[in-house]
Amino acid sequence: MDLQDQLKKLFPDHQPEETEENVQDDQDQIWMQDDPIVCKYEKRKGKPITILEGYTGADEDFKKLAKELKTRLSVGGSFKNDAIIIQGDYRDQIMDILKEKGFKVKRVGG
């Protein structure tokens, strides 16, 4: 008998509230677009970076996507001027993650 069952026996009239997991499922929905996201590679000050541009949805959705990419790849990065900047050359991994989420991705430069 786990804790949930014990609580149900103690408080049979209690209706459980919506948990945070259910709320997060609604927040994880990111607007999909028809145009592909452009994934390109540059070097700035001798260091490689990957830039994602071309998202036409809300900035908040793009920021969530940036945070998820940085977390999954365990790298640094930022969101500036409607573009996600990821430190390092992670084009292949980023393209795989975005395709897995349902985005269309276009590789530019190399």
C-alpha atoms as a PDB file:
ATOM      1  CA  MET A   1       0.000   0.000   0.000  1.00  0.00           C
ATOM      2  CA  ASP A   2       1.568   3.262  -1.066  1.00  0.00           C
ATOM      3  CA  LEU A   3       1.081   6.757   0.281  1.00  0.00           C
ATOM      4  CA  GLN A   4      -1.613   7.655  -2.260  1.00  0.00           C
ATOM      5  CA  ASP A   5      -3.802   4.742  -1.145  1.00  0.00           C
ATOM      6  CA  GLN A   6      -3.344   5.637   2.516  1.00  0.00           C
ATOM      7  CA  LEU A   7      -4.344   9.237   1.862  1.00  0.00           C
ATOM      8  CA  LYS A   8      -7.434   8.140  -0.073  1.00  0.00           C
ATOM      9  CA  LYS A   9      -8.522   6.052   2.924  1.00  0.00           C
ATOM     10  CA  LEU A  10      -7.957   8.935   5.342  1.00  0.00           C
ATOM     11  CA  PHE A  11      -9.627  11.567   3.138  1.00  0.00           C
ATOM     12  CA  PRO A  12     -12.195   9.849   0.882  1.00  0.00           C
ATOM     13  CA  ASP A  13     -13.960  13.105  -0.105  1.00  0.00           C
ATOM     14  CA  HIS A  14     -10.788  14.882  -1.240  1.00  0.00           C
ATOM     15  CA  GLN A  15     -10.482  15.618  -4.968  1.00  0.00           C
ATOM     16  CA  PRO A  16      -6.815  15.850  -6.034  1.00  0.00           C
ATOM     17  CA  GLU A  17      -5.772  19.088  -7.693  1.00  0.00           C
ATOM     18  CA  GLU A  18      -4.131  19.261 -11.075  1.00  0.00           C
ATOM     19  CA  THR A  19      -0.465  18.360 -10.644  1.00  0.00           C
ATOM     20  CA  GLU A  20       2.469  20.287 -12.062  1.00  0.00           C
ATOM     21  CA  GLU A  21       3.125  17.518 -14.579  1.00  0.00           C
ATOM     22  CA  ASN A  22      -0.240  18.138 -16.247  1.00  0.00           C
ATOM     23  CA  VAL A  23       0.398  21.874 -16.348  1.00  0.00           C
ATOM     24  CA  GLN A  24       3.849  21.367 -17.894  1.00  0.00           C
ATOM     25  CA  ASP A  25       2.410  19.204 -20.678  1.00  0.00           C
ATOM     26  CA  ASP A  26       0.361  22.191 -21.849  1.00  0.00           C
ATOM     27  CA  GLN A  27       3.367  24.498 -21.618  1.00  0.00           C
ATOM     28  CA  ASP A  28       5.619  22.172 -23.635  1.00  0.00           C
ATOM     29  CA  GLN A  29       3.534  22.671 -26.766  1.00  0.00           C
ATOM     30  CA  ILE A  30       5.565  24.782 -29.191  1.00  0.00           C
ATOM     31  CA  TRP A  31       4.016  26.308 -32.290  1.00  0.00           C
ATOM     32  CA  MET A  32       5.052  24.460 -35.439  1.00  0.00           C
ATOM     33  CA  GLN A  33       5.689  26.346 -38.649  1.00  0.00           C
ATOM     34  CA  ASP A  34       5.650  25.518 -42.327  1.00  0.00           C
ATOM     35  CA  ASP A  35       8.946  27.197 -43.237  1.00  0.00           C
ATOM     36  CA  PRO A  36      12.152  25.398 -42.248  1.00  0.00           C
ATOM     37  CA  ILE A  37      14.384  26.640 -39.447  1.00  0.00           C
ATOM     38  CA  VAL A  38      17.815  27.581 -40.822  1.00  0.00           C
ATOM     39  CA  CYS A  39      20.734  25.896 -39.033  1.00  0.00           C
ATOM     40  CA  LYS A  40      24.114  27.415 -39.879  1.00  0.00           C
ATOM     41  CA  TYR A  41      27.695  27.271 -38.653  1.00  0.00           C
ATOM     42  CA  GLU A  42      30.006  30.233 -38.080  1.00  0.00           C
ATOM     43  CA  LYS A  43      33.233  31.049 -36.322  1.00  0.00           C
ATOM     44  CA  ARG A  44      33.325  34.120 -34.119  1.00  0.00           C
ATOM     45  CA  LYS A  45      36.623  35.142 -32.560  1.00  0.00           C
ATOM     46  CA  GLY A  46      38.039  31.780 -33.630  1.00  0.00           C
ATOM     47  CA  LYS A  47      35.391  29.750 -31.795  1.00  0.00           C
ATOM     48  CA  PRO A  48      32.711  27.667 -33.538  1.00  0.00           C
ATOM     49  CA  ILE A  49      29.020  28.445 -33.003  1.00  0.00           C
ATOM     50  CA  THR A  50      25.768  27.073 -34.380  1.00  0.00           C
ATOM     51  CA  ILE A  51      23.009  29.564 -35.215  1.00  0.00           C
ATOM     52  CA  LEU A  52      19.290  28.768 -35.609  1.00  0.00           C
ATOM     53  CA  GLU A  53      17.169  31.363 -37.412  1.00  0.00           C
ATOM     54  CA  GLY A  54      13.865  31.631 -39.189  1.00  0.00           C
ATOM     55  CA  TYR A  55      11.334  30.770 -36.460  1.00  0.00           C
ATOM     56  CA  THR A  56       8.128  32.718 -37.035  1.00  0.00           C
ATOM     57  CA  GLY A  57       6.292  31.871 -33.802  1.00  0.00           C
ATOM     58  CA  ALA A  58       6.307  33.668 -30.456  1.00  0.00           C
ATOM     59  CA  ASP A  59       9.627  34.617 -28.869  1.00  0.00           C
ATOM     60  CA  GLU A  60       8.664  32.745 -25.695  1.00  0.00           C
ATOM     61  CA  ASP A  61       8.336  29.471 -27.650  1.00  0.00           C
ATOM     62  CA  PHE A  62      11.711  30.047 -29.303  1.00  0.00           C
ATOM     63  CA  LYS A  63      13.284  30.738 -25.885  1.00  0.00           C
ATOM     64  CA  LYS A  64      11.828  27.463 -24.550  1.00  0.00           C
ATOM     65  CA  LEU A  65      13.297  25.664 -27.536  1.00  0.00           C
ATOM     66  CA  ALA A  66      16.689  27.308 -26.903  1.00  0.00           C
ATOM     67  CA  LYS A  67      16.639  26.242 -23.271  1.00  0.00           C
ATOM     68  CA  GLU A  68      15.737  22.666 -24.174  1.00  0.00           C
ATOM     69  CA  LEU A  69      18.503  22.456 -26.786  1.00  0.00           C
ATOM     70  CA  LYS A  70      21.113  23.826 -24.380  1.00  0.00           C
ATOM     71  CA  THR A  71      19.998  21.393 -21.682  1.00  0.00           C
ATOM     72  CA  ARG A  72      19.949  18.322 -23.927  1.00  0.00           C
ATOM     73  CA  LEU A  73      23.324  19.123 -25.471  1.00  0.00           C
ATOM     74  CA  SER A  74      24.862  20.325 -22.167  1.00  0.00           C
ATOM     75  CA  VAL A  75      26.315  23.422 -23.794  1.00  0.00           C
ATOM     76  CA  GLY A  76      26.089  27.166 -23.397  1.00  0.00           C
ATOM     77  CA  GLY A  77      24.285  29.543 -25.671  1.00  0.00           C
ATOM     78  CA  SER A  78      21.920  32.473 -25.871  1.00  0.00           C
ATOM     79  CA  PHE A  79      18.862  33.907 -27.569  1.00  0.00           C
ATOM     80  CA  LYS A  80      19.581  37.197 -29.359  1.00  0.00           C
ATOM     81  CA  ASN A  81      17.996  39.061 -32.270  1.00  0.00           C
ATOM     82  CA  ASP A  82      15.441  36.300 -33.018  1.00  0.00           C
ATOM     83  CA  ALA A  83      18.198  33.677 -33.274  1.00  0.00           C
ATOM     84  CA  ILE A  84      19.435  30.879 -31.032  1.00  0.00           C
ATOM     85  CA  ILE A  85      23.212  30.830 -30.675  1.00  0.00           C
ATOM     86  CA  ILE A  86      24.707  27.548 -29.424  1.00  0.00           C
ATOM     87  CA  GLN A  87      28.398  27.339 -28.490  1.00  0.00           C
ATOM     88  CA  GLY A  88      30.148  24.704 -30.601  1.00  0.00           C
ATOM     89  CA  ASP A  89      29.416  22.838 -33.833  1.00  0.00           C
ATOM     90  CA  TYR A  90      26.306  20.802 -32.988  1.00  0.00           C
ATOM     91  CA  ARG A  91      24.458  21.046 -36.308  1.00  0.00           C
ATOM     92  CA  ASP A  92      23.832  17.310 -36.683  1.00  0.00           C
ATOM     93  CA  GLN A  93      22.563  16.803 -33.132  1.00  0.00           C
ATOM     94  CA  ILE A  94      20.397  19.945 -33.245  1.00  0.00           C
ATOM     95  CA  MET A  95      18.890  18.944 -36.580  1.00  0.00           C
ATOM     96  CA  ASP A  96      18.070  15.483 -35.192  1.00  0.00           C
ATOM     97  CA  ILE A  97      16.418  16.978 -32.091  1.00  0.00           C
ATOM     98  CA  LEU A  98      14.358  19.446 -34.137  1.00  0.00           C
ATOM     99  CA  LYS A  99      13.248  16.766 -36.607  1.00  0.00           C
ATOM    100  CA  GLU A 100      12.261  14.566 -33.664  1.00  0.00           C
ATOM    101  CA  LYS A 101      10.074  17.436 -32.387  1.00  0.00           C
ATOM    102  CA  GLY A 102       8.466  17.796 -35.838  1.00  0.00           C
ATOM    103  CA  PHE A 103      10.248  20.865 -37.225  1.00  0.00           C
ATOM    104  CA  LYS A 104      11.593  21.185 -40.734  1.00  0.00           C
ATOM    105  CA  VAL A 105      15.292  22.085 -40.685  1.00  0.00           C
ATOM    106  CA  LYS A 106      17.499  23.409 -43.465  1.00  0.00           C
ATOM    107  CA  ARG A 107      21.298  23.131 -43.181  1.00  0.00           C
ATOM    108  CA  VAL A 108      23.220  26.130 -44.520  1.00  0.00           C
ATOM    109  CA  GLY A 109      26.963  26.383 -45.060  1.00  0.00           C
ATOM    110  CA  GLY A 110      28.922  23.192 -45.323  1.00  0.00           C
END
